[in-house]
Amino acid sequence: MNTKNTPAAPVVRIEDLTVRYPGGTVAANGLDLHIPSGRSSPLSGNPGPASRP
């Protein structure tokens, strides 16, 4: 049971994420993301080589 004084446990929890592409380009460094149950959060950005056919 969750009350207003107790935060919901995150459904998505990412801590200290680093994304580095071959060649050394850093796309993210030290990223923390917590999305609690019942909430949504869009993520967007420029498409990179990994998302192209």
C-alpha atoms as a PDB file:
ATOM      1  CA  MET A   1       0.000   0.000   0.000  1.00  0.00           C
ATOM      2  CA  ASN A   2       1.289   3.427  -0.911  1.00  0.00           C
ATOM      3  CA  THR A   3       0.476   6.648   0.924  1.00  0.00           C
ATOM      4  CA  LYS A   4       1.168  10.258  -0.017  1.00  0.00           C
ATOM      5  CA  ASN A   5       4.159  10.255   2.351  1.00  0.00           C
ATOM      6  CA  THR A   6       5.717   7.128   0.830  1.00  0.00           C
ATOM      7  CA  PRO A   7       7.010   7.418  -2.749  1.00  0.00           C
ATOM      8  CA  ALA A   8       6.175   4.576  -5.134  1.00  0.00           C
ATOM      9  CA  ALA A   9       8.975   2.199  -5.969  1.00  0.00           C
ATOM     10  CA  PRO A  10      10.383   2.982  -9.402  1.00  0.00           C
ATOM     11  CA  VAL A  11       9.334   0.719 -12.246  1.00  0.00           C
ATOM     12  CA  VAL A  12      12.314   1.954 -14.263  1.00  0.00           C
ATOM     13  CA  ARG A  13      15.523   2.803 -12.463  1.00  0.00           C
ATOM     14  CA  ILE A  14      18.769   3.593 -14.243  1.00  0.00           C
ATOM     15  CA  GLU A  15      21.706   4.958 -12.305  1.00  0.00           C
ATOM     16  CA  ASP A  16      25.054   6.303 -13.511  1.00  0.00           C
ATOM     17  CA  LEU A  17      24.505   5.286 -17.154  1.00  0.00           C
ATOM     18  CA  THR A  18      27.284   6.058 -19.601  1.00  0.00           C
ATOM     19  CA  VAL A  19      26.900   5.520 -23.348  1.00  0.00           C
ATOM     20  CA  ARG A  20      30.067   5.666 -25.405  1.00  0.00           C
ATOM     21  CA  TYR A  21      30.198   4.973 -29.146  1.00  0.00           C
ATOM     22  CA  PRO A  22      33.111   3.315 -30.917  1.00  0.00           C
ATOM     23  CA  GLY A  23      35.680   6.012 -31.517  1.00  0.00           C
ATOM     24  CA  GLY A  24      35.136   7.505 -28.050  1.00  0.00           C
ATOM     25  CA  THR A  25      32.130   9.832 -28.553  1.00  0.00           C
ATOM     26  CA  VAL A  26      30.196  10.024 -25.263  1.00  0.00           C
ATOM     27  CA  ALA A  27      26.420  10.282 -25.732  1.00  0.00           C
ATOM     28  CA  ALA A  28      25.521  10.179 -22.017  1.00  0.00           C
ATOM     29  CA  ASN A  29      27.626  10.312 -18.879  1.00  0.00           C
ATOM     30  CA  GLY A  30      26.368   9.755 -15.335  1.00  0.00           C
ATOM     31  CA  LEU A  31      22.674   9.690 -16.319  1.00  0.00           C
ATOM     32  CA  ASP A  32      20.149   8.795 -13.592  1.00  0.00           C
ATOM     33  CA  LEU A  33      16.532   8.052 -14.515  1.00  0.00           C
ATOM     34  CA  HIS A  34      13.796   6.992 -12.091  1.00  0.00           C
ATOM     35  CA  ILE A  35      10.229   6.571 -13.356  1.00  0.00           C
ATOM     36  CA  PRO A  36       7.750   5.644 -10.592  1.00  0.00           C
ATOM     37  CA  SER A  37       4.831   3.280 -11.039  1.00  0.00           C
ATOM     38  CA  GLY A  38       1.890   4.942 -12.768  1.00  0.00           C
ATOM     39  CA  ARG A  39       3.985   7.668 -14.436  1.00  0.00           C
ATOM     40  CA  SER A  40       5.358   7.942 -17.938  1.00  0.00           C
ATOM     41  CA  SER A  41       8.243   9.909 -19.322  1.00  0.00           C
ATOM     42  CA  PRO A  42       9.076  10.328 -23.008  1.00  0.00           C
ATOM     43  CA  LEU A  43      12.692  10.274 -24.044  1.00  0.00           C
ATOM     44  CA  SER A  44      13.711  11.823 -27.324  1.00  0.00           C
ATOM     45  CA  GLY A  45      16.780  12.866 -29.138  1.00  0.00           C
ATOM     46  CA  ASN A  46      18.423  12.971 -32.501  1.00  0.00           C
ATOM     47  CA  PRO A  47      18.488   9.615 -34.265  1.00  0.00           C
ATOM     48  CA  GLY A  48      21.940   8.146 -34.382  1.00  0.00           C
ATOM     49  CA  PRO A  49      23.601   5.488 -36.482  1.00  0.00           C
ATOM     50  CA  ALA A  50      22.180   2.671 -34.324  1.00  0.00           C
ATOM     51  CA  SER A  51      18.589   3.684 -35.163  1.00  0.00           C
ATOM     52  CA  ARG A  52      19.085   3.817 -38.930  1.00  0.00           C
ATOM     53  CA  PRO A  53      18.477   0.743 -41.116  1.00  0.00           C
END
